[in-house]
Amino acid sequence: MLLLALDTATPAVTVALHDGSRVLAESRQVDARRHGELLLPAVDRVLAEAGRKLDAVSDIVVGVGPGPYTGLRVGLVTAATFGSVLGVPVHGLCSLDGIAYAAGLEEPFVVATDARRKEVYWARYENSRTRLTEPAVDRPADIAGQVAGVPSVGAGALLYDAVFTGVRHEGPEHQSAAALAALAAEKLAAGEEFLPPQPLYLRRPDAQVPANYKVVTPR
């Protein structure tokens, strides 16, 4: 087994290589505006550090979000392309699950990432391996009663710590492909199912056609 994991659902452009037992190499760069520029060089860097070739990869693991439209699609399109070229399966994982796994908590907690527009993407967990709720996008004030005092991790919780009053400042802020890969390796070994490699946007893209837009066709 040689898993290539990648995620661009958060400001972190992150890639890792996992042999089924351990992480061989990882790259993570936090830059919310350069996912497309940074991802492929990161893949090359991780393969070189591990001393492996791309054609040795047996499985692709990709974070499917939730995340902002532009960044998220970079990782998903790249994963789909690698899977097609290599003829290997592409496994989707909720990006919040990777952050939860990295947190390593064995008590109920919340993961929240920054969804912009003064909102967060979030979900509740029983422990670092078990998600209790579907991912959602909300304004922090609207979920204050559900998250106040509950242990929480992620950039969204840190950003709105007046609402996420149980935030663990030492917890993971952004995604780690190493955690995503380790979680995927466990799930593969246990024969568990994955999500399809399709995006979890949870809301419409920022760019939309104006309501009064008129199509002009040549006569």
Protein backbone atom coordinates (compact mmCIF):
# COMPACT_ATOMS: atom_id res chain seq x y z
CA MET A 1 0.00 0.00 0.00
CA LEU A 2 1.19 3.50 -0.82
CA LEU A 3 -1.35 6.24 -0.12
CA LEU A 4 -1.02 9.72 -1.58
CA ALA A 5 -3.19 12.05 0.50
CA LEU A 6 -3.97 15.66 -0.32
CA ASP A 7 -6.34 18.36 0.88
CA THR A 8 -7.03 21.95 -0.16
CA ALA A 9 -10.28 22.56 1.76
CA THR A 10 -8.62 24.93 4.25
CA PRO A 11 -5.91 27.57 3.76
CA ALA A 12 -3.40 24.74 4.19
CA VAL A 13 -2.18 23.10 0.98
CA THR A 14 -1.17 19.75 2.37
CA VAL A 15 0.16 16.50 0.90
CA ALA A 16 1.41 13.30 2.52
CA LEU A 17 2.61 9.83 1.57
CA HIS A 18 1.71 6.84 3.78
CA ASP A 19 2.78 3.21 3.36
CA GLY A 20 -0.05 1.74 5.44
CA SER A 21 2.03 1.73 8.59
CA ARG A 22 3.50 5.21 8.84
CA VAL A 23 3.78 8.58 7.19
CA LEU A 24 6.78 8.65 4.88
CA ALA A 25 6.72 12.37 4.07
CA GLU A 26 4.45 15.38 4.46
CA SER A 27 4.23 18.93 3.11
CA ARG A 28 2.00 21.71 4.42
CA GLN A 29 1.95 25.35 3.33
CA VAL A 30 -0.67 27.79 4.59
CA ASP A 31 -1.70 30.16 1.81
CA ALA A 32 -5.41 30.61 1.10
CA ARG A 33 -4.82 32.19 -2.33
CA ARG A 34 -2.28 29.87 -3.98
CA HIS A 35 -3.72 26.34 -3.80
CA GLY A 36 -3.29 25.82 -7.55
CA GLU A 37 0.31 27.00 -7.57
CA LEU A 38 1.46 25.09 -4.51
CA LEU A 39 -0.21 21.68 -4.77
CA LEU A 40 1.72 19.94 -7.57
CA PRO A 41 5.15 21.11 -6.35
CA ALA A 42 4.16 19.78 -2.92
CA VAL A 43 3.35 16.37 -4.45
CA ASP A 44 6.75 16.32 -6.18
CA ARG A 45 8.49 17.32 -2.96
CA VAL A 46 6.79 14.62 -0.88
CA LEU A 47 7.56 11.89 -3.42
CA ALA A 48 11.20 12.99 -3.60
CA GLU A 49 11.57 13.08 0.18
CA ALA A 50 10.13 9.57 0.47
CA GLY A 51 12.23 8.30 -2.44
CA ARG A 52 9.16 7.02 -4.28
CA LYS A 53 7.78 7.47 -7.80
CA LEU A 54 4.23 8.52 -8.57
CA ASP A 55 3.52 5.27 -10.40
CA ALA A 56 4.09 3.37 -7.12
CA VAL A 57 1.01 4.97 -5.55
CA SER A 58 -1.79 2.43 -4.94
CA ASP A 59 -4.52 4.74 -3.61
CA ILE A 60 -5.38 8.44 -3.63
CA VAL A 61 -7.00 10.02 -0.57
CA VAL A 62 -8.55 13.48 -0.86
CA GLY A 63 -10.31 15.79 1.54
CA VAL A 64 -13.74 16.60 0.10
CA GLY A 65 -14.46 19.58 2.36
CA PRO A 66 -16.50 21.34 3.39
CA GLY A 67 -14.48 24.26 2.11
CA PRO A 68 -14.56 27.34 -0.10
CA TYR A 69 -15.32 26.50 -3.73
CA THR A 70 -12.13 27.74 -5.42
CA GLY A 71 -9.60 26.09 -3.12
CA LEU A 72 -11.51 22.86 -2.63
CA ARG A 73 -11.85 22.06 -6.32
CA VAL A 74 -8.07 22.27 -6.83
CA GLY A 75 -7.47 19.22 -4.65
CA LEU A 76 -10.42 17.27 -5.99
CA VAL A 77 -9.54 17.81 -9.65
CA THR A 78 -5.91 16.91 -8.97
CA ALA A 79 -6.90 13.73 -7.12
CA ALA A 80 -9.29 12.70 -9.91
CA THR A 81 -6.59 13.30 -12.52
CA PHE A 82 -4.00 11.24 -10.65
CA GLY A 83 -6.52 8.45 -10.12
CA SER A 84 -7.40 8.36 -13.82
CA VAL A 85 -3.80 8.47 -15.04
CA LEU A 86 -2.57 5.85 -12.55
CA GLY A 87 -5.68 3.68 -12.68
CA VAL A 88 -6.00 3.63 -8.89
CA PRO A 89 -9.00 4.29 -6.60
CA VAL A 90 -9.67 7.77 -5.25
CA HIS A 91 -11.11 7.82 -1.71
CA GLY A 92 -12.93 10.84 -0.29
CA LEU A 93 -12.83 11.84 3.38
CA CYS A 94 -14.56 14.71 5.13
CA SER A 95 -11.85 17.29 5.76
CA LEU A 96 -13.21 17.96 9.25
CA ASP A 97 -12.58 14.28 10.04
CA GLY A 98 -8.88 14.72 9.31
CA ILE A 99 -8.65 17.65 11.70
CA ALA A 100 -10.59 15.66 14.31
CA TYR A 101 -8.22 12.70 13.92
CA ALA A 102 -5.22 14.98 14.35
CA ALA A 103 -6.74 16.39 17.55
CA GLY A 104 -6.56 12.94 19.15
CA LEU A 105 -9.29 13.65 21.72
CA GLU A 106 -11.17 10.79 23.38
CA GLU A 107 -14.06 12.93 24.61
CA PRO A 108 -16.90 14.78 22.86
CA PHE A 109 -15.66 17.86 21.00
CA VAL A 110 -16.27 20.14 18.02
CA VAL A 111 -14.23 20.87 14.89
CA ALA A 112 -14.78 24.26 13.25
CA THR A 113 -13.00 25.80 10.26
CA ASP A 114 -13.29 29.29 8.82
CA ALA A 115 -15.97 29.39 6.13
CA ARG A 116 -15.49 33.14 5.51
CA ARG A 117 -18.56 35.44 5.33
CA LYS A 118 -18.43 35.42 9.16
CA GLU A 119 -19.44 31.72 9.16
CA VAL A 120 -17.85 28.41 10.15
CA TYR A 121 -17.95 24.88 8.82
CA TRP A 122 -18.39 22.59 11.80
CA ALA A 123 -19.37 19.19 13.16
CA ARG A 124 -19.59 17.44 16.52
CA TYR A 125 -17.50 14.35 17.39
CA GLU A 126 -17.77 11.64 20.01
CA ASN A 127 -14.01 11.15 19.81
CA SER A 128 -11.25 11.71 17.27
CA ARG A 129 -12.51 8.82 15.12
CA THR A 130 -16.31 9.18 15.38
CA ARG A 131 -18.33 12.05 13.91
CA LEU A 132 -21.81 12.52 15.42
CA THR A 133 -23.31 15.12 13.04
CA GLU A 134 -23.21 15.97 9.38
CA PRO A 135 -20.96 18.91 8.47
CA ALA A 136 -22.81 22.24 8.54
CA VAL A 137 -22.18 25.90 7.81
CA ASP A 138 -23.50 28.48 10.27
CA ARG A 139 -22.85 31.85 11.84
CA PRO A 140 -21.13 31.28 15.18
CA ALA A 141 -23.77 33.24 17.09
CA ASP A 142 -26.47 30.91 15.78
CA ILE A 143 -24.80 27.82 17.28
CA ALA A 144 -23.48 29.36 20.49
CA GLY A 145 -25.79 27.29 22.63
CA GLN A 146 -24.50 24.09 21.06
CA VAL A 147 -20.77 24.78 21.27
CA ALA A 148 -20.19 27.00 24.30
CA GLY A 149 -17.90 25.26 26.75
CA VAL A 150 -17.48 22.20 24.53
CA PRO A 151 -13.84 21.32 23.71
CA SER A 152 -13.19 22.56 20.19
CA VAL A 153 -10.37 22.74 17.64
CA GLY A 154 -9.77 24.32 14.26
CA ALA A 155 -9.28 27.78 12.77
CA GLY A 156 -12.99 28.60 13.08
CA ALA A 157 -12.99 27.90 16.79
CA LEU A 158 -9.86 29.98 17.27
CA LEU A 159 -11.29 32.86 15.24
CA TYR A 160 -14.54 32.95 17.19
CA ASP A 161 -13.30 31.99 20.65
CA ALA A 162 -15.92 34.20 22.28
CA VAL A 163 -18.45 31.61 21.07
CA PHE A 164 -16.27 28.49 21.10
CA THR A 165 -15.32 29.06 24.72
CA GLY A 166 -13.84 25.58 25.11
CA VAL A 167 -11.34 26.04 22.28
CA ARG A 168 -8.11 24.04 22.62
CA HIS A 169 -5.42 26.48 21.48
CA GLU A 170 -2.89 23.67 21.30
CA GLY A 171 -5.10 21.68 18.90
CA PRO A 172 -4.73 21.54 15.10
CA GLU A 173 -5.72 24.75 13.30
CA HIS A 174 -5.74 23.57 9.69
CA GLN A 175 -5.79 20.25 7.86
CA SER A 176 -2.87 17.82 7.93
CA ALA A 177 -2.60 15.35 5.05
CA ALA A 178 -0.56 13.13 7.36
CA ALA A 179 -3.58 12.78 9.67
CA LEU A 180 -5.89 12.31 6.68
CA ALA A 181 -3.61 9.56 5.32
CA ALA A 182 -3.33 7.80 8.69
CA LEU A 183 -7.12 7.86 9.07
CA ALA A 184 -7.55 6.48 5.55
CA ALA A 185 -5.05 3.70 6.20
CA GLU A 186 -7.05 2.65 9.28
CA LYS A 187 -10.30 2.70 7.34
CA LEU A 188 -8.85 0.67 4.46
CA ALA A 189 -7.44 -1.92 6.86
CA ALA A 190 -10.84 -2.20 8.56
CA GLY A 191 -12.72 -2.42 5.27
CA GLU A 192 -14.70 0.74 6.02
CA GLU A 193 -16.42 2.82 3.36
CA PHE A 194 -15.27 6.20 2.09
CA LEU A 195 -17.10 9.18 0.69
CA PRO A 196 -17.16 9.65 -3.07
CA PRO A 197 -14.52 12.15 -4.22
CA GLN A 198 -17.12 14.86 -4.73
CA PRO A 199 -17.06 18.31 -3.11
CA LEU A 200 -18.99 19.20 0.04
CA TYR A 201 -19.61 22.87 -0.65
CA LEU A 202 -22.67 23.31 1.63
CA ARG A 203 -23.46 26.58 -0.11
CA ARG A 204 -23.39 28.17 -3.55
CA PRO A 205 -20.16 29.56 -5.07
CA ASP A 206 -19.40 33.25 -4.57
CA ALA A 207 -19.40 33.89 -8.32
CA GLN A 208 -22.94 33.91 -9.71
CA VAL A 209 -24.66 35.19 -12.84
CA PRO A 210 -26.51 38.47 -12.06
CA ALA A 211 -30.28 38.06 -11.77
CA ASN A 212 -30.97 40.57 -14.55
CA TYR A 213 -28.28 39.27 -16.88
CA LYS A 214 -29.37 39.24 -20.52
CA VAL A 215 -27.87 36.89 -23.12
CA VAL A 216 -27.00 38.71 -26.32
CA THR A 217 -26.76 36.51 -29.41
CA PRO A 218 -25.59 37.61 -32.85
CA ARG A 219 -28.28 38.16 -35.44
